[in-house]
Amino acid sequence: MSLHKQARLVETFIASDGCEIAEVIHPVRDGTDSGVSLARAVVDPGQATKAHVLDFVEIYYIISGRGVIHLDGRAAEVGPEDCVYIPAGRRQWIQNTGDEDLVFLCVCTPAYDPHGDHPA
């Protein structure tokens, strides 16, 4: 099966952690393999997501903006073309430290499931 979508046309919503999300490819909506999902996230300037823990692996790929990723009490600056691997079960949150939107892709494996997303 193949799938072609224009990510800019996907409806967005505010996720439980507070960032704006567009689920670009998700098996529930697209009939794709349940092993992976892809979303685009946006955190406004001066804002941060709420700390949370996922039951699955997540990878961030920063497209634009600057921020700080917080993972299990450690912090690291991130910017365009940086990648962050977040193992399952880790406390995480990201803050936008710049003056433009922090935009990044989120790949989850297995696919994102809201039942596996817990406040920390």
C-alpha atoms as a PDB file:
ATOM      1  CA  MET A   1       0.000   0.000   0.000  1.00  0.00           C
ATOM      2  CA  SER A   2       1.222   3.506  -0.710  1.00  0.00           C
ATOM      3  CA  LEU A   3      -0.096   6.793   0.567  1.00  0.00           C
ATOM      4  CA  HIS A   4       0.500  10.385  -0.488  1.00  0.00           C
ATOM      5  CA  LYS A   5      -0.745  13.265   1.660  1.00  0.00           C
ATOM      6  CA  GLN A   6      -0.025  16.968   1.834  1.00  0.00           C
ATOM      7  CA  ALA A   7       0.869  17.571   5.469  1.00  0.00           C
ATOM      8  CA  ARG A   8      -0.070  21.241   5.292  1.00  0.00           C
ATOM      9  CA  LEU A   9      -3.683  20.222   4.601  1.00  0.00           C
ATOM     10  CA  VAL A  10      -4.034  17.924   7.634  1.00  0.00           C
ATOM     11  CA  GLU A  11      -6.278  19.349  10.371  1.00  0.00           C
ATOM     12  CA  THR A  12      -4.550  20.249  13.615  1.00  0.00           C
ATOM     13  CA  PHE A  13      -5.592  19.911  17.249  1.00  0.00           C
ATOM     14  CA  ILE A  14      -4.136  20.719  20.655  1.00  0.00           C
ATOM     15  CA  ALA A  15      -2.606  17.585  22.179  1.00  0.00           C
ATOM     16  CA  SER A  16      -2.787  16.630  25.854  1.00  0.00           C
ATOM     17  CA  ASP A  17       0.721  18.060  26.345  1.00  0.00           C
ATOM     18  CA  GLY A  18      -0.401  21.444  24.990  1.00  0.00           C
ATOM     19  CA  CYS A  19       1.290  21.595  21.587  1.00  0.00           C
ATOM     20  CA  GLU A  20      -0.448  21.873  18.234  1.00  0.00           C
ATOM     21  CA  ILE A  21      -0.419  18.536  16.392  1.00  0.00           C
ATOM     22  CA  ALA A  22      -1.218  17.411  12.858  1.00  0.00           C
ATOM     23  CA  GLU A  23      -1.295  13.614  12.650  1.00  0.00           C
ATOM     24  CA  VAL A  24       0.077  13.299   9.145  1.00  0.00           C
ATOM     25  CA  ILE A  25       0.144   9.495   8.942  1.00  0.00           C
ATOM     26  CA  HIS A  26      -1.633   7.323  11.487  1.00  0.00           C
ATOM     27  CA  PRO A  27      -2.921   3.764  11.063  1.00  0.00           C
ATOM     28  CA  VAL A  28      -6.356   4.545  12.540  1.00  0.00           C
ATOM     29  CA  ARG A  29      -7.048   7.199   9.900  1.00  0.00           C
ATOM     30  CA  ASP A  30      -4.950   5.953   7.009  1.00  0.00           C
ATOM     31  CA  GLY A  31      -5.015   2.153   7.197  1.00  0.00           C
ATOM     32  CA  THR A  32      -1.221   2.039   7.377  1.00  0.00           C
ATOM     33  CA  ASP A  33       0.960  -0.356   9.368  1.00  0.00           C
ATOM     34  CA  SER A  34       0.373  -0.007  13.115  1.00  0.00           C
ATOM     35  CA  GLY A  35       4.118  -0.020  13.726  1.00  0.00           C
ATOM     36  CA  VAL A  36       4.627   3.690  13.069  1.00  0.00           C
ATOM     37  CA  SER A  37       2.949   7.099  12.991  1.00  0.00           C
ATOM     38  CA  LEU A  38       4.112  10.554  11.913  1.00  0.00           C
ATOM     39  CA  ALA A  39       2.922  13.898  13.247  1.00  0.00           C
ATOM     40  CA  ARG A  40       3.973  17.522  12.880  1.00  0.00           C
ATOM     41  CA  ALA A  41       4.099  19.482  16.152  1.00  0.00           C
ATOM     42  CA  VAL A  42       4.232  23.230  16.794  1.00  0.00           C
ATOM     43  CA  VAL A  43       5.125  24.964  20.068  1.00  0.00           C
ATOM     44  CA  ASP A  44       4.597  28.733  20.104  1.00  0.00           C
ATOM     45  CA  PRO A  45       7.419  31.117  21.120  1.00  0.00           C
ATOM     46  CA  GLY A  46       7.907  31.233  24.884  1.00  0.00           C
ATOM     47  CA  GLN A  47       5.694  28.175  25.433  1.00  0.00           C
ATOM     48  CA  ALA A  48       6.447  24.605  26.514  1.00  0.00           C
ATOM     49  CA  THR A  49       4.691  21.273  26.404  1.00  0.00           C
ATOM     50  CA  LYS A  50       3.557  19.641  29.635  1.00  0.00           C
ATOM     51  CA  ALA A  51       5.796  16.933  31.059  1.00  0.00           C
ATOM     52  CA  HIS A  52       4.597  13.503  29.979  1.00  0.00           C
ATOM     53  CA  VAL A  53       5.640   9.866  29.613  1.00  0.00           C
ATOM     54  CA  LEU A  54       4.881   7.678  26.586  1.00  0.00           C
ATOM     55  CA  ASP A  55       4.580   3.898  26.476  1.00  0.00           C
ATOM     56  CA  PHE A  56       6.297   3.867  23.066  1.00  0.00           C
ATOM     57  CA  VAL A  57       9.419   5.237  21.385  1.00  0.00           C
ATOM     58  CA  GLU A  58       9.267   8.757  19.961  1.00  0.00           C
ATOM     59  CA  ILE A  59      11.738  10.508  17.670  1.00  0.00           C
ATOM     60  CA  TYR A  60      11.740  14.286  17.170  1.00  0.00           C
ATOM     61  CA  TYR A  61      13.162  15.871  14.024  1.00  0.00           C
ATOM     62  CA  ILE A  62      13.375  19.655  14.380  1.00  0.00           C
ATOM     63  CA  ILE A  63      12.338  21.527  11.238  1.00  0.00           C
ATOM     64  CA  SER A  64      12.538  25.136  12.419  1.00  0.00           C
ATOM     65  CA  GLY A  65      12.868  27.220  15.560  1.00  0.00           C
ATOM     66  CA  ARG A  66      14.958  26.754  18.685  1.00  0.00           C
ATOM     67  CA  GLY A  67      14.216  25.070  21.957  1.00  0.00           C
ATOM     68  CA  VAL A  68      15.311  22.906  24.837  1.00  0.00           C
ATOM     69  CA  ILE A  69      14.348  19.245  25.141  1.00  0.00           C
ATOM     70  CA  HIS A  70      14.004  17.958  28.698  1.00  0.00           C
ATOM     71  CA  LEU A  71      14.416  14.222  29.114  1.00  0.00           C
ATOM     72  CA  ASP A  72      14.557  12.552  32.537  1.00  0.00           C
ATOM     73  CA  GLY A  73      15.926  15.683  34.210  1.00  0.00           C
ATOM     74  CA  ARG A  74      18.526  16.426  31.548  1.00  0.00           C
ATOM     75  CA  ALA A  75      18.243  19.331  29.120  1.00  0.00           C
ATOM     76  CA  ALA A  76      19.717  19.914  25.657  1.00  0.00           C
ATOM     77  CA  GLU A  77      19.333  22.735  23.174  1.00  0.00           C
ATOM     78  CA  VAL A  78      17.775  21.802  19.837  1.00  0.00           C
ATOM     79  CA  GLY A  79      17.443  23.541  16.491  1.00  0.00           C
ATOM     80  CA  PRO A  80      16.883  22.845  12.801  1.00  0.00           C
ATOM     81  CA  GLU A  81      17.887  19.362  11.632  1.00  0.00           C
ATOM     82  CA  ASP A  82      18.504  18.075  15.168  1.00  0.00           C
ATOM     83  CA  CYS A  83      17.077  14.666  16.016  1.00  0.00           C
ATOM     84  CA  VAL A  84      16.123  13.417  19.464  1.00  0.00           C
ATOM     85  CA  TYR A  85      15.470   9.745  20.264  1.00  0.00           C
ATOM     86  CA  ILE A  86      13.153   9.357  23.266  1.00  0.00           C
ATOM     87  CA  PRO A  87      12.909   5.794  24.651  1.00  0.00           C
ATOM     88  CA  ALA A  88       9.570   4.583  25.993  1.00  0.00           C
ATOM     89  CA  GLY A  89       8.878   5.339  29.641  1.00  0.00           C
ATOM     90  CA  ARG A  90      10.978   8.514  29.863  1.00  0.00           C
ATOM     91  CA  ARG A  91       9.715  11.801  31.336  1.00  0.00           C
ATOM     92  CA  GLN A  92       9.883  14.401  28.569  1.00  0.00           C
ATOM     93  CA  TRP A  93       8.885  17.906  27.576  1.00  0.00           C
ATOM     94  CA  ILE A  94      10.121  20.550  25.156  1.00  0.00           C
ATOM     95  CA  GLN A  95      10.172  24.325  25.416  1.00  0.00           C
ATOM     96  CA  ASN A  96      10.436  26.942  22.702  1.00  0.00           C
ATOM     97  CA  THR A  97      13.242  29.341  23.624  1.00  0.00           C
ATOM     98  CA  GLY A  98      13.193  31.304  20.366  1.00  0.00           C
ATOM     99  CA  ASP A  99      11.073  34.042  18.856  1.00  0.00           C
ATOM    100  CA  GLU A 100       9.478  31.902  16.133  1.00  0.00           C
ATOM    101  CA  ASP A 101       7.407  28.706  16.165  1.00  0.00           C
ATOM    102  CA  LEU A 102       9.298  25.545  17.140  1.00  0.00           C
ATOM    103  CA  VAL A 103       8.216  23.050  14.460  1.00  0.00           C
ATOM    104  CA  PHE A 104       9.204  19.391  14.560  1.00  0.00           C
ATOM    105  CA  LEU A 105       8.179  15.985  13.283  1.00  0.00           C
ATOM    106  CA  CYS A 106       7.283  13.221  15.747  1.00  0.00           C
ATOM    107  CA  VAL A 107       7.703   9.599  14.720  1.00  0.00           C
ATOM    108  CA  CYS A 108       6.212   7.067  17.136  1.00  0.00           C
ATOM    109  CA  THR A 109       6.778   3.338  17.133  1.00  0.00           C
ATOM    110  CA  PRO A 110       4.486   1.610  17.605  1.00  0.00           C
ATOM    111  CA  ALA A 111       2.020   4.201  16.351  1.00  0.00           C
ATOM    112  CA  TYR A 112       0.877   6.912  18.757  1.00  0.00           C
ATOM    113  CA  ASP A 113      -1.913   5.758  21.074  1.00  0.00           C
ATOM    114  CA  PRO A 114      -3.473   8.304  23.466  1.00  0.00           C
ATOM    115  CA  HIS A 115      -3.893   5.531  26.074  1.00  0.00           C
ATOM    116  CA  GLY A 116      -0.093   5.303  26.235  1.00  0.00           C
ATOM    117  CA  ASP A 117       0.407   9.044  26.838  1.00  0.00           C
ATOM    118  CA  HIS A 118       0.563   9.865  30.564  1.00  0.00           C
ATOM    119  CA  PRO A 119       1.070  13.152  32.446  1.00  0.00           C
ATOM    120  CA  ALA A 120       4.292  13.176  34.460  1.00  0.00           C
END
